[in-house]
Amino acid sequence: MDHLDNLTYFGTYTLMEPKDSKSNRHIYFACFMFLYILILFLNISLCVVIVFEKALHEPMYIFLCNLCLNGVCGATGFYPKFLHDLILDSYVIPSYMCALQSFLIYTSVKCEYSTLAVMAYDRHMAICRPLNYHSKLNRFTCITLLIFSWTVPLITTLIALILSNRLVLCKNHIDKLYCDNWSMVKLSCESTDTNNIYGLISISFYFCIFAVIIVSYIKLIIACKASLECRKKFWQTCVPHIFSLVNFSVAMLFDTMYNRYGSSGFPEDLRNFLALEIIIVPPIFNPVIYGLNLKEVRKRVLKSCIKTHNHNY
């Protein structure tokens, strides 16, 4: 009977309060507002350059544009709500907003993996099969790969949220700065076996994508050993992918393992840093490292800046 008395339908959740938020919230607000503006500026600028420069209408740059757009979507799932909470000094979120935030952030996380897999395939074709590159990666193939990189994350995240939405909760505090699906599942008093099994299938699927990307890069390294030109192309176009993949995978591994098996004794500062790392680092890191490392992008960005400067004067 006690168990039934504990079951409640919560209209709102409370989120973790940032450390020393009472005294430091204005500093936090300034820092996170700066990060959000920086993410929007870097990613949108790079997308605009790729869209308006015909020379960059190649599969590699189109997939890079998709990666940047995805970074903006994921950041928008977190920053506006967090900045709003800091202004009001109130860390409460309606249940429907919590589901929407979780959907935006984790669709973006999965889309990042899908896009990195698509980019790995693109590099494999460009370096290992250059003669077939343009016939294989034609317009239809590019559109199909872009649709894959968005629809699989959208559908898998939506199914996870539908499964968690049917649960009856007996708690409403999420021990994190933002909502995620597994944190909502943990608030339930009833069996979460279905959610757990689905979560493990989803993790396994994305682990397989990670493994496929790593294998494709190992094959590329082996293929590039013989040719200096090939090695140069690999360093210019593939090393940024590997950096993005490793950085993102380490953060995601921690986030997944801590959400499921973490202990309350884990240092709060480190926990928050690693939870925020997937939201802060990739959307800044991706446009900077690709923009600086890819010669064509760098050339076109500088050209656009000079054109804008001359136009102003």
Protein backbone atom coordinates (compact mmCIF):
# COMPACT_ATOMS: atom_id res chain seq x y z
CA MET A 1 0.00 0.00 0.00
CA ASP A 2 2.91 2.36 0.85
CA HIS A 3 4.35 1.76 -2.60
CA LEU A 4 1.05 2.84 -4.22
CA ASP A 5 0.89 5.94 -2.00
CA ASN A 6 4.31 7.01 -3.30
CA LEU A 7 3.19 6.98 -6.95
CA THR A 8 2.59 10.51 -8.17
CA TYR A 9 2.19 12.20 -11.53
CA PHE A 10 4.69 15.07 -11.50
CA GLY A 11 4.05 18.11 -13.68
CA THR A 12 7.55 19.49 -13.06
CA TYR A 13 11.06 18.26 -12.27
CA THR A 14 13.75 19.97 -10.23
CA LEU A 15 17.26 20.05 -11.68
CA MET A 16 20.62 20.16 -9.93
CA GLU A 17 21.60 23.63 -8.77
CA PRO A 18 25.07 24.72 -9.97
CA LYS A 19 27.66 24.93 -7.18
CA ASP A 20 27.68 28.34 -5.43
CA SER A 21 24.94 29.52 -7.81
CA LYS A 22 23.60 32.06 -5.29
CA SER A 23 26.84 34.07 -5.33
CA ASN A 24 28.24 33.14 -8.77
CA ARG A 25 25.18 32.92 -11.03
CA HIS A 26 25.98 36.20 -12.84
CA ILE A 27 29.49 34.92 -13.65
CA TYR A 28 28.01 31.59 -14.82
CA PHE A 29 25.47 33.49 -16.92
CA ALA A 30 28.17 35.62 -18.63
CA CYS A 31 30.36 32.55 -19.32
CA PHE A 32 27.55 30.38 -20.71
CA MET A 33 26.08 33.25 -22.74
CA PHE A 34 29.54 33.81 -24.28
CA LEU A 35 29.85 30.08 -25.08
CA TYR A 36 26.39 29.96 -26.69
CA ILE A 37 27.06 33.06 -28.85
CA LEU A 38 30.47 31.60 -29.83
CA ILE A 39 28.88 28.26 -30.82
CA LEU A 40 26.19 30.00 -32.91
CA PHE A 41 28.74 32.31 -34.57
CA LEU A 42 31.33 29.63 -35.43
CA ASN A 43 28.88 27.01 -36.69
CA ILE A 44 26.55 29.33 -38.61
CA SER A 45 29.53 31.20 -40.18
CA LEU A 46 31.03 27.95 -41.43
CA CYS A 47 27.65 26.76 -42.78
CA VAL A 48 27.11 30.10 -44.60
CA VAL A 49 30.58 29.90 -46.20
CA ILE A 50 29.93 26.30 -47.36
CA VAL A 51 26.44 27.15 -48.72
CA PHE A 52 27.52 30.28 -50.64
CA GLU A 53 30.88 29.05 -51.98
CA LYS A 54 30.24 26.80 -54.98
CA ALA A 55 33.77 25.37 -54.75
CA LEU A 56 32.77 23.83 -51.38
CA HIS A 57 29.70 22.02 -52.77
CA GLU A 58 31.47 18.68 -52.33
CA PRO A 59 30.27 15.75 -50.17
CA MET A 60 32.95 16.28 -47.48
CA TYR A 61 31.95 19.93 -46.93
CA ILE A 62 28.21 19.18 -47.08
CA PHE A 63 28.66 16.58 -44.29
CA LEU A 64 30.74 19.11 -42.33
CA CYS A 65 27.88 21.62 -42.71
CA ASN A 66 25.50 18.96 -41.33
CA LEU A 67 27.84 18.43 -38.35
CA CYS A 68 27.78 22.19 -37.62
CA LEU A 69 23.97 22.45 -37.92
CA ASN A 70 23.66 19.52 -35.56
CA GLY A 71 25.97 21.27 -33.06
CA VAL A 72 23.65 24.31 -33.10
CA CYS A 73 20.57 22.09 -32.50
CA GLY A 74 22.20 20.31 -29.53
CA ALA A 75 23.45 23.59 -27.99
CA THR A 76 19.98 25.14 -28.36
CA GLY A 77 18.55 22.23 -26.39
CA PHE A 78 20.68 23.21 -23.38
CA TYR A 79 21.85 26.86 -23.30
CA PRO A 80 18.59 28.90 -23.49
CA LYS A 81 16.99 26.88 -20.66
CA PHE A 82 20.12 26.95 -18.48
CA LEU A 83 20.57 30.73 -19.01
CA HIS A 84 16.90 31.25 -18.13
CA ASP A 85 17.39 29.23 -14.90
CA LEU A 86 20.47 31.28 -13.96
CA ILE A 87 18.60 34.59 -14.41
CA LEU A 88 15.67 33.44 -12.26
CA ASP A 89 17.85 31.38 -9.88
CA SER A 90 15.19 28.66 -10.20
CA TYR A 91 16.10 25.18 -11.45
CA VAL A 92 12.66 23.78 -12.25
CA ILE A 93 11.49 22.38 -15.59
CA PRO A 94 8.00 21.27 -16.72
CA SER A 95 7.83 17.56 -17.61
CA TYR A 96 7.05 18.24 -21.31
CA MET A 97 10.04 20.65 -21.52
CA CYS A 98 12.23 18.06 -19.84
CA ALA A 99 11.25 15.49 -22.49
CA LEU A 100 11.89 18.07 -25.26
CA GLN A 101 15.31 19.00 -23.83
CA SER A 102 16.31 15.34 -23.55
CA PHE A 103 15.08 14.75 -27.12
CA LEU A 104 17.08 17.68 -28.59
CA ILE A 105 20.33 16.96 -26.73
CA TYR A 106 20.39 13.20 -27.28
CA THR A 107 19.19 13.35 -30.88
CA SER A 108 22.10 15.74 -31.45
CA VAL A 109 24.54 13.40 -29.66
CA LYS A 110 23.45 10.41 -31.80
CA CYS A 111 23.40 12.52 -34.97
CA GLU A 112 27.03 13.51 -34.27
CA TYR A 113 27.97 9.82 -34.30
CA SER A 114 25.95 9.13 -37.47
CA THR A 115 27.52 12.12 -39.24
CA LEU A 116 31.05 11.09 -38.18
CA ALA A 117 30.29 7.60 -39.59
CA VAL A 118 29.12 9.15 -42.88
CA MET A 119 32.26 11.35 -42.98
CA ALA A 120 34.45 8.28 -42.37
CA TYR A 121 32.77 6.54 -45.33
CA ASP A 122 33.33 9.66 -47.46
CA ARG A 123 37.07 9.75 -46.57
CA HIS A 124 37.39 6.00 -47.20
CA MET A 125 35.96 6.42 -50.71
CA ALA A 126 38.04 9.57 -51.45
CA ILE A 127 41.37 8.06 -50.36
CA CYS A 128 41.01 4.33 -51.10
CA ARG A 129 38.82 4.51 -54.24
CA PRO A 130 39.41 7.98 -55.75
CA LEU A 131 38.39 6.89 -59.28
CA ASN A 132 34.94 5.78 -58.07
CA TYR A 133 34.48 8.67 -55.61
CA HIS A 134 32.22 10.98 -57.64
CA SER A 135 30.17 8.14 -59.15
CA LYS A 136 29.59 6.52 -55.72
CA LEU A 137 29.09 9.74 -53.72
CA ASN A 138 26.69 11.37 -56.15
CA ARG A 139 23.86 13.73 -55.19
CA PHE A 140 21.39 10.91 -54.45
CA THR A 141 23.89 9.08 -52.18
CA CYS A 142 24.70 12.31 -50.28
CA ILE A 143 20.99 13.03 -49.65
CA THR A 144 20.43 9.39 -48.55
CA LEU A 145 23.37 9.58 -46.11
CA LEU A 146 22.15 12.90 -44.69
CA ILE A 147 18.64 11.47 -44.20
CA PHE A 148 20.19 8.42 -42.45
CA SER A 149 22.27 10.66 -40.15
CA TRP A 150 19.10 12.42 -38.90
CA THR A 151 16.27 9.84 -39.07
CA VAL A 152 18.00 7.05 -37.09
CA PRO A 153 18.81 9.37 -34.11
CA LEU A 154 15.33 10.98 -34.26
CA ILE A 155 13.52 7.62 -34.24
CA THR A 156 15.72 5.92 -31.60
CA THR A 157 15.48 8.91 -29.21
CA LEU A 158 11.71 9.20 -29.74
CA ILE A 159 11.18 5.49 -28.92
CA ALA A 160 13.28 5.88 -25.74
CA LEU A 161 11.15 8.86 -24.62
CA ILE A 162 7.86 7.07 -25.39
CA LEU A 163 9.03 4.10 -23.29
CA SER A 164 9.97 6.38 -20.36
CA ASN A 165 6.77 8.43 -20.66
CA ARG A 166 4.61 5.40 -19.75
CA LEU A 167 6.39 5.01 -16.38
CA VAL A 168 4.79 6.26 -13.16
CA LEU A 169 7.24 8.27 -11.06
CA CYS A 170 7.72 8.51 -7.31
CA LYS A 171 10.49 11.17 -7.36
CA ASN A 172 10.98 14.36 -9.34
CA HIS A 173 14.58 15.50 -8.75
CA ILE A 174 17.08 15.06 -11.63
CA ASP A 175 20.64 15.14 -10.30
CA LYS A 176 22.02 16.84 -13.41
CA LEU A 177 22.10 20.35 -14.93
CA TYR A 178 19.85 19.21 -17.80
CA CYS A 179 17.31 16.48 -18.51
CA ASP A 180 18.22 13.17 -20.05
CA ASN A 181 16.14 10.09 -20.65
CA TRP A 182 17.89 7.73 -18.22
CA SER A 183 17.68 10.28 -15.38
CA MET A 184 13.90 10.37 -15.92
CA VAL A 185 13.72 6.56 -16.01
CA LYS A 186 15.58 6.35 -12.66
CA LEU A 187 12.78 8.38 -10.99
CA SER A 188 10.31 5.54 -11.53
CA CYS A 189 9.18 3.16 -8.79
CA GLU A 190 8.06 0.44 -11.20
CA SER A 191 10.06 -2.01 -13.30
CA THR A 192 12.29 -0.36 -15.92
CA ASP A 193 13.45 -3.60 -17.58
CA THR A 194 12.02 -2.64 -21.01
CA ASN A 195 13.78 0.74 -20.89
CA ASN A 196 17.00 -0.93 -19.76
CA ILE A 197 16.95 -3.52 -22.56
CA TYR A 198 16.13 -0.85 -25.18
CA GLY A 199 18.91 1.39 -23.79
CA LEU A 200 21.46 -1.43 -24.00
CA ILE A 201 20.40 -2.21 -27.61
CA SER A 202 20.77 1.49 -28.50
CA ILE A 203 24.23 1.70 -26.80
CA SER A 204 25.32 -1.49 -28.63
CA PHE A 205 24.17 -0.05 -31.97
CA TYR A 206 26.20 3.14 -31.48
CA PHE A 207 29.17 1.14 -30.20
CA CYS A 208 29.03 -0.82 -33.49
CA ILE A 209 29.04 2.50 -35.41
CA PHE A 210 32.10 3.55 -33.36
CA ALA A 211 33.83 0.22 -34.16
CA VAL A 212 33.06 0.57 -37.91
CA ILE A 213 34.54 4.12 -37.92
CA ILE A 214 37.71 2.94 -36.14
CA VAL A 215 38.13 -0.03 -38.53
CA SER A 216 37.67 2.27 -41.55
CA TYR A 217 40.41 4.62 -40.24
CA ILE A 218 42.77 1.69 -39.57
CA LYS A 219 42.21 0.59 -43.19
CA LEU A 220 42.90 4.17 -44.33
CA ILE A 221 46.16 4.32 -42.35
CA ILE A 222 47.30 1.02 -43.93
CA ALA A 223 46.26 2.23 -47.43
CA CYS A 224 48.15 5.54 -46.95
CA LYS A 225 51.47 4.01 -45.90
CA ALA A 226 52.72 3.67 -49.48
CA SER A 227 51.92 7.16 -50.81
CA LEU A 228 53.15 10.53 -49.54
CA GLU A 229 50.22 12.35 -51.25
CA CYS A 230 47.78 9.94 -49.63
CA ARG A 231 49.37 10.50 -46.19
CA LYS A 232 49.10 14.27 -46.65
CA LYS A 233 45.40 13.97 -47.54
CA PHE A 234 44.84 11.70 -44.53
CA TRP A 235 46.47 14.18 -42.10
CA GLN A 236 44.52 17.10 -43.55
CA THR A 237 41.04 15.56 -43.71
CA CYS A 238 40.96 12.51 -41.42
CA VAL A 239 42.86 13.58 -38.30
CA PRO A 240 40.15 16.17 -37.37
CA HIS A 241 37.55 13.37 -37.63
CA ILE A 242 39.60 11.14 -35.29
CA PHE A 243 40.01 13.99 -32.76
CA SER A 244 36.25 14.67 -32.85
CA LEU A 245 35.43 10.99 -32.51
CA VAL A 246 37.79 10.28 -29.58
CA ASN A 247 36.81 13.44 -27.66
CA PHE A 248 33.11 12.76 -28.17
CA SER A 249 33.31 9.03 -27.41
CA VAL A 250 35.19 9.52 -24.11
CA ALA A 251 32.59 12.08 -22.95
CA MET A 252 29.68 9.87 -24.05
CA LEU A 253 31.18 6.77 -22.40
CA PHE A 254 31.45 8.63 -19.09
CA ASP A 255 27.94 10.11 -19.42
CA THR A 256 26.40 6.70 -20.17
CA MET A 257 28.34 4.79 -17.50
CA TYR A 258 27.76 7.41 -14.80
CA ASN A 259 24.03 7.71 -15.58
CA ARG A 260 23.59 3.96 -15.24
CA TYR A 261 26.13 2.86 -12.66
CA GLY A 262 27.60 6.04 -11.08
CA SER A 263 27.97 6.48 -7.34
CA SER A 264 27.04 9.58 -5.34
CA GLY A 265 30.65 9.71 -4.07
CA PHE A 266 31.91 10.85 -7.50
CA PRO A 267 33.19 14.50 -7.30
CA GLU A 268 30.37 16.86 -8.32
CA ASP A 269 32.61 19.31 -10.22
CA LEU A 270 34.14 16.56 -12.38
CA ARG A 271 30.70 14.99 -12.95
CA ASN A 272 29.26 18.33 -14.14
CA PHE A 273 32.28 19.05 -16.33
CA LEU A 274 32.03 15.67 -18.09
CA ALA A 275 28.23 15.96 -18.46
CA LEU A 276 28.63 19.43 -20.02
CA GLU A 277 31.63 18.43 -22.15
CA ILE A 278 29.40 16.83 -24.84
CA ILE A 279 27.41 20.08 -25.06
CA ILE A 280 30.29 22.59 -24.88
CA VAL A 281 33.33 21.06 -26.60
CA PRO A 282 32.14 19.44 -29.90
CA PRO A 283 30.14 22.47 -31.21
CA ILE A 284 33.19 24.74 -30.64
CA PHE A 285 35.87 22.18 -31.49
CA ASN A 286 34.33 20.95 -34.79
CA PRO A 287 34.09 24.24 -36.76
CA VAL A 288 37.45 25.48 -35.39
CA ILE A 289 39.47 22.33 -36.14
CA TYR A 290 37.85 21.72 -39.54
CA GLY A 291 37.91 25.40 -40.46
CA LEU A 292 41.62 25.70 -39.61
CA ASN A 293 42.73 22.32 -40.89
CA LEU A 294 40.90 22.03 -44.21
CA LYS A 295 42.76 24.21 -46.69
CA GLU A 296 39.74 24.94 -48.92
CA VAL A 297 37.54 25.99 -45.99
CA ARG A 298 40.32 28.14 -44.51
CA LYS A 299 40.88 29.85 -47.87
CA ARG A 300 37.17 30.57 -48.39
CA VAL A 301 36.61 31.81 -44.81
CA LEU A 302 39.52 34.28 -45.18
CA LYS A 303 38.20 35.36 -48.58
CA SER A 304 34.72 36.00 -47.08
CA CYS A 305 36.24 37.98 -44.17
CA ILE A 306 38.31 40.16 -46.54
CA LYS A 307 35.26 40.72 -48.78
CA THR A 308 33.14 41.76 -45.75
CA HIS A 309 35.91 44.06 -44.47
CA ASN A 310 36.32 45.76 -47.87
CA HIS A 311 32.55 46.14 -48.23
CA ASN A 312 32.37 47.88 -44.80
CA TYR A 313 34.99 50.39 -45.87
